[in-house]
Amino acid sequence: MNKKTIGIIGTGKHFDEKIYPILLKSNFFKISGALRKKRSNFKNIKILKERDFFKKKFDFVYISCPNKFHENYIIKSLRSGSHVICEKPFIVRKKNMKKIIQLAKRNKKLIFEAFMYLYHPAYKYVEKLFRDQTYGKFRYLISNFRYPALNRKNNRYKKGEGDGFFNDAATYPLSLENYIFKNENKKAFKLFTQKIKSNVDLRGNIFINSSKGKRFYFWGEGQNYSNNLEIFFDKASIFINKFFSKKKDEKIYVKIYTKTQKKIIIEKVDQFQKMFLTIQKNYFKESFQKFHINMIKNQLNLLLKYNS
């Protein structure tokens, strides 16, 4: 089988540690060039200038650079005939969303926002709980993606570069809102948001109250590390210790509280690899492309609505 070529935009620490090892071993993808390079340990990857990068017409482009560059590179990638896989947030403004969707549809290309946790068994377990109503009616959930302060040189503290922590940390729980409650009428609920700022947004919370249940989302830096999910149903409460981000050797478990307590160990799975396998099997399907267009559009609407 001829491998599909993939071009890389942004080869920082995240790409180095999480993405590069998977693509290197892939029987489907072949890294055929990179636009940006911060490290010298990528063997046999040709580093290209921007004008040459987009002339290569890769089958796929993987975008892992700072948020402010996403929009421009997404459009250029689609125009050059590539499927686009982009780190979250896909884009942060609405101005060119219509153009991006038109390009994707016209060229029959996939646009994909990389939320890796959606491909882990822990998320599949939660999705099934809601779908099957295993423990009765849903009442409320508490979702956390919080962590201690970072090095002050981190670009998230710089206005115009990282632009704060909302698009980094709040994006995760809002994606849960997008995927789990995607069929809910978003005009039918009450919304409360709070932010703490210092030049850029640092931390905050979002509270949604609807007929389908309450959701409490906590996000940001300068706090105790919390990356968990707690869901309350009529007949049980569910706690998952690590939900969005997972280290390779970390034990992921579910605790189920009814009249007794039960603990389930979730199988170890590389959620990054599972994401790429899902793309590999489905990228050419019109239904898959359409689904991800809608999810990207909905996610952007959530980010803009709650980032007030």
Protein backbone atom coordinates (compact mmCIF):
# COMPACT_ATOMS: atom_id res chain seq x y z
CA MET A 1 0.00 0.00 0.00
CA ASN A 2 1.27 3.44 -0.91
CA LYS A 3 1.45 5.54 2.22
CA LYS A 4 -0.39 8.86 2.41
CA THR A 5 1.93 11.84 2.62
CA ILE A 6 1.56 14.16 5.57
CA GLY A 7 3.14 17.57 6.05
CA ILE A 8 3.75 18.99 9.52
CA ILE A 9 3.28 22.61 10.58
CA GLY A 10 4.72 23.13 14.06
CA THR A 11 7.22 20.63 15.48
CA GLY A 12 7.32 21.71 19.11
CA LYS A 13 7.40 19.66 22.29
CA HIS A 14 3.84 18.30 21.97
CA PHE A 15 4.45 17.08 18.42
CA ASP A 16 7.84 15.67 19.41
CA GLU A 17 6.51 13.64 22.35
CA LYS A 18 3.00 12.62 21.29
CA ILE A 19 2.56 12.78 17.52
CA TYR A 20 5.94 12.13 15.92
CA PRO A 21 6.41 8.59 17.39
CA ILE A 22 3.00 7.50 16.08
CA LEU A 23 3.49 8.88 12.57
CA LEU A 24 7.00 7.43 12.44
CA LYS A 25 5.66 3.89 13.04
CA SER A 26 2.50 4.31 10.93
CA ASN A 27 1.80 1.95 8.03
CA PHE A 28 -0.55 4.55 6.56
CA PHE A 29 1.10 7.98 6.97
CA LYS A 30 4.50 9.09 5.73
CA ILE A 31 5.95 12.38 6.97
CA SER A 32 7.08 14.10 3.77
CA GLY A 33 8.02 17.56 4.99
CA ALA A 34 7.79 20.08 7.81
CA LEU A 35 7.27 23.82 7.72
CA ARG A 36 8.58 24.71 11.17
CA LYS A 37 11.36 23.19 13.17
CA LYS A 38 12.38 23.90 16.75
CA ARG A 39 14.43 20.76 17.32
CA SER A 40 17.04 18.87 15.35
CA ASN A 41 16.12 15.31 16.33
CA PHE A 42 13.64 14.62 13.52
CA LYS A 43 15.49 12.28 11.19
CA ASN A 44 14.80 12.22 7.47
CA ILE A 45 12.20 15.01 7.53
CA LYS A 46 12.73 17.63 4.89
CA ILE A 47 12.35 21.17 6.21
CA LEU A 48 10.61 23.41 3.70
CA LYS A 49 10.02 27.12 3.27
CA GLU A 50 6.36 28.11 3.26
CA ARG A 51 6.07 28.62 -0.51
CA ASP A 52 7.60 25.18 -1.15
CA PHE A 53 5.62 23.45 1.60
CA PHE A 54 2.24 24.15 0.01
CA LYS A 55 3.49 23.29 -3.48
CA LYS A 56 4.11 19.73 -2.25
CA LYS A 57 0.36 18.99 -2.19
CA PHE A 58 0.45 16.59 0.76
CA ASP A 59 -2.45 14.16 1.21
CA PHE A 60 -2.73 15.44 4.81
CA VAL A 61 -1.41 18.40 6.76
CA TYR A 62 -1.07 18.23 10.55
CA ILE A 63 -1.12 21.66 12.24
CA SER A 64 0.45 21.93 15.69
CA CYS A 65 1.63 25.55 15.81
CA PRO A 66 0.37 28.47 17.98
CA ASN A 67 -3.35 29.24 17.68
CA LYS A 68 -2.91 32.55 15.87
CA PHE A 69 -1.46 30.78 12.79
CA HIS A 70 -4.13 28.06 12.49
CA GLU A 71 -6.61 29.90 10.30
CA ASN A 72 -4.08 30.95 7.66
CA TYR A 73 -2.51 27.49 7.40
CA ILE A 74 -5.86 25.69 7.33
CA ILE A 75 -6.95 27.76 4.33
CA LYS A 76 -3.63 27.31 2.52
CA SER A 77 -3.69 23.55 3.16
CA LEU A 78 -7.21 23.16 1.81
CA ARG A 79 -6.38 25.24 -1.25
CA SER A 80 -3.39 23.01 -1.95
CA GLY A 81 -5.66 19.94 -1.84
CA SER A 82 -4.83 18.48 1.58
CA HIS A 83 -6.98 17.00 4.30
CA VAL A 84 -6.43 19.03 7.50
CA ILE A 85 -5.89 17.73 11.03
CA CYS A 86 -5.45 20.63 13.44
CA GLU A 87 -4.74 20.87 17.15
CA LYS A 88 -7.40 22.51 19.30
CA PRO A 89 -8.69 25.15 19.04
CA PHE A 90 -9.23 24.74 15.29
CA ILE A 91 -9.79 28.48 14.88
CA VAL A 92 -10.67 31.24 17.36
CA ARG A 93 -12.72 33.67 15.25
CA LYS A 94 -15.67 33.38 12.92
CA LYS A 95 -14.51 35.60 10.06
CA ASN A 96 -13.23 32.84 7.74
CA MET A 97 -15.22 29.85 9.01
CA LYS A 98 -17.58 29.97 6.03
CA LYS A 99 -14.64 30.08 3.60
CA ILE A 100 -12.99 27.09 5.32
CA ILE A 101 -16.19 25.03 5.16
CA GLN A 102 -16.72 25.91 1.48
CA LEU A 103 -13.15 24.88 0.62
CA ALA A 104 -13.49 21.59 2.51
CA LYS A 105 -16.79 20.73 0.83
CA ARG A 106 -15.72 21.81 -2.66
CA ASN A 107 -12.50 19.79 -2.51
CA LYS A 108 -14.08 16.89 -0.58
CA LYS A 109 -11.50 17.23 2.16
CA LEU A 110 -11.64 16.39 5.84
CA ILE A 111 -11.20 19.15 8.41
CA PHE A 112 -10.59 17.65 11.83
CA GLU A 113 -10.10 19.19 15.27
CA ALA A 114 -7.75 16.98 17.30
CA PHE A 115 -9.44 16.17 20.61
CA MET A 116 -7.60 12.91 21.30
CA TYR A 117 -9.50 12.05 24.50
CA LEU A 118 -12.61 11.34 22.40
CA TYR A 119 -10.92 8.16 21.13
CA HIS A 120 -10.04 6.74 24.54
CA PRO A 121 -12.20 4.02 26.20
CA ALA A 122 -12.88 6.40 29.12
CA TYR A 123 -14.80 8.75 26.83
CA LYS A 124 -16.52 5.82 25.08
CA TYR A 125 -17.65 4.62 28.51
CA VAL A 126 -19.19 8.02 29.32
CA GLU A 127 -20.81 8.29 25.90
CA LYS A 128 -22.46 4.90 26.44
CA LEU A 129 -23.75 5.92 29.89
CA PHE A 130 -25.62 8.83 28.34
CA ARG A 131 -26.78 6.88 25.31
CA ASP A 132 -28.10 3.86 27.22
CA GLN A 133 -29.25 5.78 30.35
CA THR A 134 -27.61 2.98 32.32
CA TYR A 135 -28.20 4.67 35.70
CA GLY A 136 -31.37 6.57 34.95
CA LYS A 137 -31.82 10.26 34.28
CA PHE A 138 -28.80 12.54 34.12
CA ARG A 139 -28.79 15.26 36.80
CA TYR A 140 -25.47 17.12 36.68
CA LEU A 141 -21.76 16.81 35.99
CA ILE A 142 -18.58 18.48 37.22
CA SER A 143 -15.70 18.72 34.78
CA ASN A 144 -12.21 19.98 35.64
CA PHE A 145 -9.23 20.87 33.52
CA ARG A 146 -7.05 22.88 35.90
CA TYR A 147 -3.33 22.96 36.56
CA PRO A 148 -0.62 24.93 38.45
CA ALA A 149 0.89 28.12 37.01
CA LEU A 150 3.34 27.64 34.15
CA ASN A 151 6.66 29.31 33.49
CA ARG A 152 5.86 32.99 32.93
CA LYS A 153 7.70 32.86 29.62
CA ASN A 154 5.03 30.51 28.29
CA ASN A 155 3.25 32.12 25.33
CA ARG A 156 -0.17 31.65 26.99
CA TYR A 157 0.74 34.58 29.27
CA LYS A 158 1.49 36.82 26.27
CA LYS A 159 -1.32 38.77 24.70
CA GLY A 160 -1.26 38.33 20.94
CA GLU A 161 0.71 35.06 21.11
CA GLY A 162 -0.98 32.53 23.38
CA ASP A 163 -3.81 34.90 24.36
CA GLY A 164 -4.42 33.26 27.69
CA PHE A 165 -5.74 29.98 29.01
CA PHE A 166 -9.35 29.92 27.86
CA ASN A 167 -8.56 28.50 24.42
CA ASP A 168 -6.15 26.03 26.01
CA ALA A 169 -8.00 24.79 29.10
CA ALA A 170 -11.69 25.70 28.68
CA THR A 171 -11.64 24.21 25.17
CA TYR A 172 -11.61 20.69 26.64
CA PRO A 173 -14.73 20.79 28.83
CA LEU A 174 -16.54 22.78 26.14
CA SER A 175 -15.73 20.03 23.65
CA LEU A 176 -17.40 17.61 26.08
CA GLU A 177 -20.43 19.91 25.99
CA ASN A 178 -20.25 19.85 22.20
CA TYR A 179 -20.07 16.07 21.82
CA ILE A 180 -22.27 14.83 24.69
CA PHE A 181 -25.00 17.49 24.50
CA LYS A 182 -24.79 18.16 20.75
CA ASN A 183 -28.52 17.77 20.11
CA GLU A 184 -29.64 20.17 22.84
CA ASN A 185 -31.25 23.46 21.92
CA LYS A 186 -28.55 25.90 23.04
CA LYS A 187 -31.08 28.73 23.31
CA ALA A 188 -33.04 26.86 25.96
CA PHE A 189 -30.64 27.07 28.88
CA LYS A 190 -29.23 29.59 31.32
CA LEU A 191 -25.52 30.32 31.21
CA PHE A 192 -23.24 31.80 33.88
CA THR A 193 -19.53 32.42 33.31
CA GLN A 194 -16.77 33.90 35.43
CA LYS A 195 -13.14 34.74 34.59
CA ILE A 196 -10.09 35.90 36.47
CA LYS A 197 -7.74 37.96 34.31
CA SER A 198 -4.30 39.53 34.52
CA ASN A 199 -3.40 40.88 31.08
CA VAL A 200 -4.77 37.61 29.66
CA ASP A 201 -7.46 35.28 31.03
CA LEU A 202 -6.04 32.91 33.63
CA ARG A 203 -8.86 30.79 35.05
CA GLY A 204 -12.60 30.63 35.35
CA ASN A 205 -15.75 28.56 35.40
CA ILE A 206 -18.86 27.97 33.34
CA PHE A 207 -22.23 26.89 34.69
CA ILE A 208 -25.00 25.68 32.38
CA ASN A 209 -28.49 25.01 33.69
CA SER A 210 -30.90 23.31 31.31
CA SER A 211 -33.85 20.91 31.31
CA LYS A 212 -31.39 18.10 30.48
CA GLY A 213 -29.29 18.71 33.58
CA LYS A 214 -26.66 21.01 35.07
CA ARG A 215 -23.02 21.25 33.99
CA PHE A 216 -20.18 22.81 35.98
CA TYR A 217 -16.94 23.40 34.06
CA PHE A 218 -13.77 24.61 35.83
CA TRP A 219 -10.68 25.55 33.83
CA GLY A 220 -7.36 27.41 33.89
CA GLU A 221 -3.97 27.78 35.55
CA GLY A 222 -2.78 28.64 39.06
CA GLN A 223 -4.75 25.82 40.69
CA ASN A 224 -4.38 22.27 41.94
CA TYR A 225 -4.03 19.83 39.03
CA SER A 226 -7.45 18.38 38.22
CA ASN A 227 -8.26 16.50 35.05
CA ASN A 228 -11.32 14.52 36.00
CA LEU A 229 -15.01 14.09 35.44
CA GLU A 230 -17.86 13.39 37.87
CA ILE A 231 -21.37 12.60 36.64
CA PHE A 232 -24.51 12.28 38.73
CA PHE A 233 -27.49 10.18 37.60
CA ASP A 234 -30.64 9.21 39.49
CA LYS A 235 -29.26 5.79 40.40
CA ALA A 236 -25.51 6.37 40.64
CA SER A 237 -22.64 8.81 40.54
CA ILE A 238 -19.60 8.19 38.34
CA PHE A 239 -16.05 9.46 38.89
CA ILE A 240 -13.20 9.18 36.34
CA ASN A 241 -9.79 10.14 37.68
CA LYS A 242 -8.10 11.18 34.41
CA PHE A 243 -10.33 12.19 31.55
CA PHE A 244 -8.88 14.70 29.07
CA SER A 245 -5.11 14.26 29.29
CA LYS A 246 -3.46 10.91 30.05
CA LYS A 247 0.13 9.86 30.52
CA LYS A 248 1.26 6.56 29.02
CA ASP A 249 1.76 4.67 32.28
CA GLU A 250 -1.15 6.25 34.14
CA LYS A 251 -3.92 4.04 35.52
CA ILE A 252 -7.32 5.29 34.42
CA TYR A 253 -10.20 4.13 36.53
CA VAL A 254 -13.93 4.65 36.97
CA LYS A 255 -15.57 4.62 40.40
CA ILE A 256 -19.29 3.88 40.46
CA TYR A 257 -21.17 4.88 43.60
CA THR A 258 -24.58 3.29 44.18
CA LYS A 259 -25.54 1.60 47.46
CA THR A 260 -22.10 0.06 47.17
CA GLN A 261 -18.88 1.21 45.52
CA LYS A 262 -17.39 -0.38 42.41
CA LYS A 263 -14.09 0.38 40.70
CA ILE A 264 -13.36 -0.38 37.04
CA ILE A 265 -9.87 -0.15 35.55
CA ILE A 266 -9.99 1.19 31.99
CA GLU A 267 -7.73 -0.57 29.51
CA LYS A 268 -4.51 1.19 28.54
CA VAL A 269 -4.85 2.73 25.12
CA ASP A 270 -2.81 5.36 23.29
CA GLN A 271 -5.54 7.89 22.52
CA PHE A 272 -3.31 9.64 19.98
CA GLN A 273 -2.84 6.44 18.01
CA LYS A 274 -6.56 5.64 18.22
CA MET A 275 -7.37 9.07 16.77
CA PHE A 276 -5.07 8.54 13.78
CA LEU A 277 -6.51 5.06 13.18
CA THR A 278 -10.04 6.52 13.19
CA ILE A 279 -9.01 9.15 10.63
CA GLN A 280 -7.27 6.51 8.52
CA LYS A 281 -10.42 4.38 8.32
CA ASN A 282 -12.92 7.18 7.71
CA TYR A 283 -11.32 10.33 6.22
CA PHE A 284 -12.69 9.74 2.71
CA LYS A 285 -16.32 9.22 3.79
CA GLU A 286 -18.67 12.12 3.12
CA SER A 287 -20.62 11.42 6.33
CA PHE A 288 -17.40 11.57 8.39
CA GLN A 289 -16.33 14.82 6.72
CA LYS A 290 -19.76 16.37 7.25
CA PHE A 291 -19.87 15.32 10.91
CA HIS A 292 -16.54 16.99 11.67
CA ILE A 293 -17.48 20.17 9.80
CA ASN A 294 -20.52 20.43 12.06
CA MET A 295 -18.55 19.68 15.23
CA ILE A 296 -15.88 22.28 14.39
CA LYS A 297 -18.57 24.87 13.66
CA ASN A 298 -20.40 24.07 16.92
CA GLN A 299 -17.16 24.13 18.93
CA LEU A 300 -16.26 27.57 17.58
CA ASN A 301 -19.74 28.86 18.47
CA LEU A 302 -19.28 27.56 22.04
CA LEU A 303 -15.86 29.16 22.38
CA LEU A 304 -17.10 32.53 21.14
CA LYS A 305 -20.25 32.40 23.26
CA TYR A 306 -18.48 31.55 26.51
CA ASN A 307 -15.29 33.55 25.96
CA SER A 308 -16.96 36.82 26.88
